C-alpha atoms as a PDB file:
ATOM      1  CA  LYS A   1      16.857   6.221  11.801  1.00  0.00           C
ATOM      2  CA  ALA A   2      13.109   6.855  12.051  1.00  0.00           C
ATOM      3  CA  TYR A   3      12.484   3.144  12.607  1.00  0.00           C
ATOM      4  CA  VAL A   4      15.117   2.875  15.370  1.00  0.00           C
ATOM      5  CA  ARG A   5      13.795   6.002  17.090  1.00  0.00           C
ATOM      6  CA  MET A   6      10.161   4.838  16.831  1.00  0.00           C
ATOM      7  CA  LYS A   7      11.020   1.355  18.111  1.00  0.00           C
ATOM      8  CA  ASP A   8      12.793   2.797  21.143  1.00  0.00           C
ATOM      9  CA  GLU A   9      10.104   5.398  21.893  1.00  0.00           C
ATOM     10  CA  LEU A  10       7.324   2.796  21.738  1.00  0.00           C
ATOM     11  CA  GLY A  11       9.264   0.261  23.806  1.00  0.00           C
ATOM     12  CA  TYR A  12       9.814  -2.536  21.282  1.00  0.00           C
ATOM     13  CA  GLU A  13      12.682  -4.876  20.610  1.00  0.00           C
ATOM     14  CA  THR A  14      13.333  -6.721  17.366  1.00  0.00           C
ATOM     15  CA  VAL A  15      13.108 -10.502  17.700  1.00  0.00           C
ATOM     16  CA  ALA A  16      13.792 -11.313  14.039  1.00  0.00           C
ATOM     17  CA  ASN A  17      14.127  -9.748  10.591  1.00  0.00           C
ATOM     18  CA  GLU A  18      13.053 -11.557   7.412  1.00  0.00           C
ATOM     19  CA  TYR A  19      11.757 -14.481   9.466  1.00  0.00           C
ATOM     20  CA  ILE A  20      10.768 -17.226   7.012  1.00  0.00           C
ATOM     21  CA  VAL A  21       7.337 -18.798   7.417  1.00  0.00           C
ATOM     22  CA  THR A  22       5.684 -21.465   5.277  1.00  0.00           C
ATOM     23  CA  ASP A  23       2.617 -23.627   4.852  1.00  0.00           C
ATOM     24  CA  PHE A  24       4.989 -26.609   4.350  1.00  0.00           C
ATOM     25  CA  ASP A  25       3.308 -27.294   1.022  1.00  0.00           C
ATOM     26  CA  SER A  26       3.588 -24.655  -1.698  1.00  0.00           C
ATOM     27  CA  PHE A  27       4.273 -21.270  -0.163  1.00  0.00           C
ATOM     28  CA  ALA A  28       6.916 -19.499   1.915  1.00  0.00           C
ATOM     29  CA  SER A  29       7.745 -15.889   2.625  1.00  0.00           C
ATOM     30  CA  GLY A  30       9.745 -13.658   4.938  1.00  0.00           C
ATOM     31  CA  ILE A  31       8.174 -11.538   7.669  1.00  0.00           C
ATOM     32  CA  ASP A  32       9.927  -8.156   7.675  1.00  0.00           C
ATOM     33  CA  LEU A  33       9.896  -7.773  11.463  1.00  0.00           C
ATOM     34  CA  VAL A  34       8.951  -9.954  14.411  1.00  0.00           C
ATOM     35  CA  MET A  35       8.667  -7.520  17.314  1.00  0.00           C
ATOM     36  CA  HIS A  36       8.252  -7.859  21.060  1.00  0.00           C
ATOM     37  CA  GLU A  37       6.838  -5.138  23.256  1.00  0.00           C
ATOM     38  CA  LYS A  38       9.249  -4.908  26.178  1.00  0.00           C
ATOM     39  CA  ALA A  39       6.406  -4.433  28.679  1.00  0.00           C
ATOM     40  CA  GLY A  40       4.361  -7.264  27.127  1.00  0.00           C
ATOM     41  CA  ALA A  41       4.094 -10.968  27.902  1.00  0.00           C
ATOM     42  CA  GLU A  42       7.192 -13.007  26.980  1.00  0.00           C
ATOM     43  CA  ASN A  43       5.203 -15.341  24.705  1.00  0.00           C
ATOM     44  CA  GLU A  44       3.522 -12.537  22.702  1.00  0.00           C
ATOM     45  CA  VAL A  45       4.926 -10.922  19.569  1.00  0.00           C
ATOM     46  CA  GLU A  46       3.763  -8.598  16.828  1.00  0.00           C
ATOM     47  CA  LEU A  47       4.356  -8.986  13.111  1.00  0.00           C
ATOM     48  CA  TRP A  48       5.255  -5.813  11.220  1.00  0.00           C
ATOM     49  CA  ASP A  49       5.582  -5.327   7.495  1.00  0.00           C
ATOM     50  CA  ILE A  50       7.617  -2.403   6.205  1.00  0.00           C
ATOM     51  CA  LYS A  51       6.175  -0.437   3.288  1.00  0.00           C
ATOM     52  CA  HIS A  52       7.891   2.385   1.414  1.00  0.00           C
ATOM     53  CA  THR A  53       5.051   2.921  -1.068  1.00  0.00           C
ATOM     54  CA  TYR A  54       3.379   6.260  -1.809  1.00  0.00           C
ATOM     55  CA  ASN A  55       0.216   5.007  -0.064  1.00  0.00           C
ATOM     56  CA  VAL A  56      -0.370   2.000   2.174  1.00  0.00           C
ATOM     57  CA  HIS A  57      -2.917  -0.459   0.815  1.00  0.00           C
ATOM     58  CA  LYS A  58      -4.203  -1.675   4.160  1.00  0.00           C
ATOM     59  CA  ALA A  59      -6.392  -4.458   2.769  1.00  0.00           C
ATOM     60  CA  TYR A  60      -3.407  -6.003   0.986  1.00  0.00           C
ATOM     61  CA  VAL A  61      -1.111  -5.789   4.032  1.00  0.00           C
ATOM     62  CA  GLU A  62      -3.855  -7.181   6.292  1.00  0.00           C
ATOM     63  CA  TRP A  63      -4.067 -10.282   4.104  1.00  0.00           C
ATOM     64  CA  GLN A  64      -0.293 -10.582   3.855  1.00  0.00           C
ATOM     65  CA  LEU A  65       0.260 -10.399   7.608  1.00  0.00           C
ATOM     66  CA  SER A  66      -2.788 -12.558   8.401  1.00  0.00           C
ATOM     67  CA  ILE A  67      -1.223 -15.325   6.327  1.00  0.00           C
ATOM     68  CA  TYR A  68       2.111 -14.807   8.081  1.00  0.00           C
ATOM     69  CA  LYS A  69       0.350 -14.855  11.469  1.00  0.00           C
ATOM     70  CA  LYS A  70      -1.259 -18.227  10.775  1.00  0.00           C
ATOM     71  CA  TRP A  71       2.007 -19.752   9.590  1.00  0.00           C
ATOM     72  CA  PHE A  72       4.090 -18.160  12.365  1.00  0.00           C
ATOM     73  CA  GLU A  73       1.821 -19.520  15.096  1.00  0.00           C
ATOM     74  CA  ALA A  74       1.809 -22.967  13.460  1.00  0.00           C
ATOM     75  CA  ILE A  75       5.625 -23.030  13.454  1.00  0.00           C
ATOM     76  CA  ASN A  76       6.070 -21.416  16.890  1.00  0.00           C
ATOM     77  CA  THR A  77       3.414 -23.187  18.991  1.00  0.00           C
ATOM     78  CA  GLY A  78       4.531 -21.500  22.209  1.00  0.00           C
ATOM     79  CA  LEU A  79       4.156 -17.970  20.820  1.00  0.00           C
ATOM     80  CA  LYS A  80       1.064 -15.878  20.135  1.00  0.00           C
ATOM     81  CA  VAL A  81       0.841 -13.068  17.597  1.00  0.00           C
ATOM     82  CA  LYS A  82      -1.041 -10.382  19.495  1.00  0.00           C
ATOM     83  CA  ALA A  83      -1.057  -7.782  16.692  1.00  0.00           C
ATOM     84  CA  ILE A  84      -0.161  -7.153  13.069  1.00  0.00           C
ATOM     85  CA  LYS A  85       1.036  -3.728  11.966  1.00  0.00           C
ATOM     86  CA  CYS A  86       2.402  -1.891   8.975  1.00  0.00           C
ATOM     87  CA  LEU A  87       5.480   0.269   9.467  1.00  0.00           C
ATOM     88  CA  TRP A  88       5.162   2.966   6.796  1.00  0.00           C
ATOM     89  CA  LEU A  89       8.507   4.600   6.118  1.00  0.00           C
ATOM     90  CA  ARG A  90       8.813   7.028   3.256  1.00  0.00           C
ATOM     91  CA  ASP A  91      10.987  10.021   2.491  1.00  0.00           C
ATOM     92  CA  ASP A  92       8.566  11.977   0.339  1.00  0.00           C
ATOM     93  CA  LYS A  93       9.575  15.158  -1.476  1.00  0.00           C
ATOM     94  CA  THR A  94       6.215  16.850  -0.957  1.00  0.00           C
ATOM     95  CA  ARG A  95       5.028  15.297   2.319  1.00  0.00           C
ATOM     96  CA  GLY A  96       8.392  15.009   4.074  1.00  0.00           C
ATOM     97  CA  LEU A  97       9.565  12.081   6.160  1.00  0.00           C
ATOM     98  CA  ILE A  98       6.733   9.684   6.924  1.00  0.00           C
ATOM     99  CA  HIS A  99       7.163   7.157   9.707  1.00  0.00           C
ATOM    100  CA  ARG A 100       3.911   5.711  11.009  1.00  0.00           C
ATOM    101  CA  LEU A 101       3.005   2.464  12.668  1.00  0.00           C
ATOM    102  CA  ILE A 102      -0.416   1.467  11.358  1.00  0.00           C
ATOM    103  CA  PRO A 103      -2.422  -1.125  13.341  1.00  0.00           C
ATOM    104  CA  LEU A 104      -4.164  -3.685  11.129  1.00  0.00           C
ATOM    105  CA  GLN A 105      -7.132  -5.991  11.581  1.00  0.00           C
ATOM    106  CA  PRO A 106      -6.123  -9.637  11.036  1.00  0.00           C
ATOM    107  CA  HIS A 107      -8.252 -12.091   9.094  1.00  0.00           C
ATOM    108  CA  THR A 108      -9.159 -15.309  10.859  1.00  0.00           C
ATOM    109  CA  ASN A 109      -7.317 -18.568  10.197  1.00  0.00           C
ATOM    110  CA  GLU A 110     -10.531 -19.848   8.587  1.00  0.00           C
ATOM    111  CA  GLU A 111     -10.531 -16.918   6.153  1.00  0.00           C
ATOM    112  CA  VAL A 112      -6.859 -17.591   5.315  1.00  0.00           C
ATOM    113  CA  ASP A 113      -7.649 -21.290   4.751  1.00  0.00           C
ATOM    114  CA  LYS A 114     -10.534 -20.326   2.453  1.00  0.00           C
ATOM    115  CA  LEU A 115      -8.272 -17.967   0.493  1.00  0.00           C
ATOM    116  CA  PHE A 116      -5.725 -20.729  -0.118  1.00  0.00           C
ATOM    117  CA  GLU A 117      -8.446 -23.201  -1.007  1.00  0.00           C
ATOM    118  CA  CYS A 118      -9.592 -20.740  -3.680  1.00  0.00           C
ATOM    119  CA  VAL A 119      -5.993 -20.332  -4.908  1.00  0.00           C
ATOM    120  CA  ARG A 120      -5.546 -24.119  -5.207  1.00  0.00           C
ATOM    121  CA  GLU A 121      -8.877 -24.471  -7.050  1.00  0.00           C
ATOM    122  CA  ASN A 122      -8.196 -21.387  -9.202  1.00  0.00           C
ATOM    123  CA  LYS A 123     -11.428 -19.763  -8.017  1.00  0.00           C
ATOM    124  CA  PRO A 124     -12.033 -16.180  -6.908  1.00  0.00           C
ATOM    125  CA  TYR A 125     -12.051 -15.710  -3.143  1.00  0.00           C
ATOM    126  CA  GLY A 126     -15.596 -15.617  -1.802  1.00  0.00           C
ATOM    127  CA  GLY A 127     -16.983 -18.312  -4.122  1.00  0.00           C
ATOM    128  CA  GLY A 128     -18.549 -16.901  -7.268  1.00  0.00           C
ATOM    129  CA  LYS A 129     -19.259 -13.554  -5.628  1.00  0.00           C
ATOM    130  CA  LYS A 130     -17.225 -10.607  -6.880  1.00  0.00           C
ATOM    131  CA  PRO A 131     -15.302  -8.653  -4.265  1.00  0.00           C
ATOM    132  CA  GLU A 132     -16.965  -5.349  -3.415  1.00  0.00           C
ATOM    133  CA  TYR A 133     -14.031  -3.291  -4.714  1.00  0.00           C
ATOM    134  CA  LEU A 134     -14.292  -4.982  -8.147  1.00  0.00           C
ATOM    135  CA  THR A 135     -17.990  -4.134  -8.418  1.00  0.00           C
ATOM    136  CA  GLU A 136     -17.164  -0.541  -7.469  1.00  0.00           C
ATOM    137  CA  VAL A 137     -14.438  -0.320 -10.138  1.00  0.00           C
ATOM    138  CA  GLU A 138     -16.692  -1.822 -12.815  1.00  0.00           C
ATOM    139  CA  GLU A 139     -19.390   0.699 -11.965  1.00  0.00           C
ATOM    140  CA  TYR A 140     -17.055   3.561 -12.890  1.00  0.00           C
ATOM    141  CA  GLU A 141     -14.899   1.976 -15.597  1.00  0.00           C
ATOM    142  CA  ASP A 142     -16.845   3.358 -18.599  1.00  0.00           C
ATOM    143  CA  ARG A 143     -16.842   6.868 -17.133  1.00  0.00           C
ATOM    144  CA  ILE A 144     -13.121   6.642 -16.324  1.00  0.00           C
ATOM    145  CA  ILE A 145     -12.349   5.586 -19.915  1.00  0.00           C
ATOM    146  CA  VAL A 146     -14.396   8.501 -21.323  1.00  0.00           C
ATOM    147  CA  LEU A 147     -12.800  11.009 -18.927  1.00  0.00           C
ATOM    148  CA  ASP A 148      -9.262   9.750 -19.631  1.00  0.00           C
ATOM    149  CA  SER A 149      -9.903  10.099 -23.370  1.00  0.00           C
ATOM    150  CA  SER A 150     -11.343  13.604 -22.904  1.00  0.00           C
ATOM    151  CA  ILE A 151      -8.400  14.666 -20.751  1.00  0.00           C
ATOM    152  CA  LYS A 152      -5.961  13.450 -23.429  1.00  0.00           C
ATOM    153  CA  LYS A 153      -7.822  15.335 -26.171  1.00  0.00           C
ATOM    154  CA  MET A 154      -8.022  18.513 -24.096  1.00  0.00           C
ATOM    155  CA  THR A 155      -4.352  18.244 -23.083  1.00  0.00           C
ATOM    156  CA  ASP A 156      -3.358  17.861 -26.747  1.00  0.00           C
ATOM    157  CA  GLU A 157      -5.505  20.872 -27.683  1.00  0.00           C
ATOM    158  CA  LEU A 158      -4.065  22.957 -24.825  1.00  0.00           C
ATOM    159  CA  ASN A 159      -0.500  22.061 -25.813  1.00  0.00           C
ATOM    160  CA  ASP A 160      -1.266  23.023 -29.421  1.00  0.00           C
ATOM    161  CA  ILE A 161      -2.615  26.411 -28.272  1.00  0.00           C
ATOM    162  CA  LYS A 162       0.444  26.966 -26.051  1.00  0.00           C
ATOM    163  CA  THR A 163       2.759  26.240 -28.984  1.00  0.00           C
ATOM    164  CA  LYS A 164       0.879  28.721 -31.190  1.00  0.00           C
ATOM    165  CA  LEU A 165       0.975  31.399 -28.472  1.00  0.00           C
ATOM    166  CA  PHE A 166       4.687  30.795 -27.859  1.00  0.00           C
ATOM    167  CA  ASP A 167       5.395  31.179 -31.577  1.00  0.00           C
ATOM    168  CA  CYS A 168       3.270  34.345 -31.724  1.00  0.00           C
ATOM    169  CA  LEU A 169       4.959  35.943 -28.702  1.00  0.00           C
ATOM    170  CA  THR A 170       8.496  35.054 -29.752  1.00  0.00           C
ATOM    171  CA  LYS A 171       7.837  36.323 -33.282  1.00  0.00           C
ATOM    172  CA  ASP A 172       6.920  39.718 -31.823  1.00  0.00           C
ATOM    173  CA  LYS A 173       9.733  39.472 -29.213  1.00  0.00           C
ATOM    174  CA  GLN A 174       7.280  39.534 -26.305  1.00  0.00           C
ATOM    175  CA  LYS A 175       7.854  37.719 -23.016  1.00  0.00           C
ATOM    176  CA  SER A 176       4.283  37.914 -21.714  1.00  0.00           C
ATOM    177  CA  VAL A 177       0.838  39.353 -22.310  1.00  0.00           C
ATOM    178  CA  ASP A 178      -1.940  39.984 -19.772  1.00  0.00           C
ATOM    179  CA  THR A 179      -5.468  39.976 -21.243  1.00  0.00           C
ATOM    180  CA  GLY A 180      -7.147  40.688 -17.930  1.00  0.00           C
ATOM    181  CA  ARG A 181      -8.450  37.127 -17.789  1.00  0.00           C
ATOM    182  CA  ILE A 182      -5.242  35.180 -18.321  1.00  0.00           C
ATOM    183  CA  LEU A 183      -1.526  35.852 -18.174  1.00  0.00           C
ATOM    184  CA  VAL A 184       0.533  34.204 -20.896  1.00  0.00           C
ATOM    185  CA  THR A 185       4.284  34.057 -20.373  1.00  0.00           C
END
């Protein structure tokens, strides 16, 4: 319902759902939505990917739709993909109904070609250079491991204390005690 309402309010019409694109070699996939802005040029479309995830990983969706864009334009030579977007639809218990259309920045066809060249040669994208996010993760990995271990130990200790307090209170038929600093129930 949120998608239909958003589509109408923004002035879009659906051209295709699960439109299959391919490189005519090794890969194929379905584009969730091929959309046309009613006020836009007849030969221009937008590619939308629907995500229901807790968070949208924009970098991932940008790559996904950039690949689709290249293949779509190769198959449909008379059409131009003017934009790629992520339609984030989620019914979240704490955040409520989420329905947002997120504009994305497409990668160039050259970048897509380079990515697939790396896939075929089983090399990391970007030559031998590590992606920036990997360097960032590696910088914190030792600290994350130490913190996760500490959290587990402290959680185990806290649960042990809670069990002892529960036993103590139930033995004396007490429901709660207020020490002035903490309330135990």
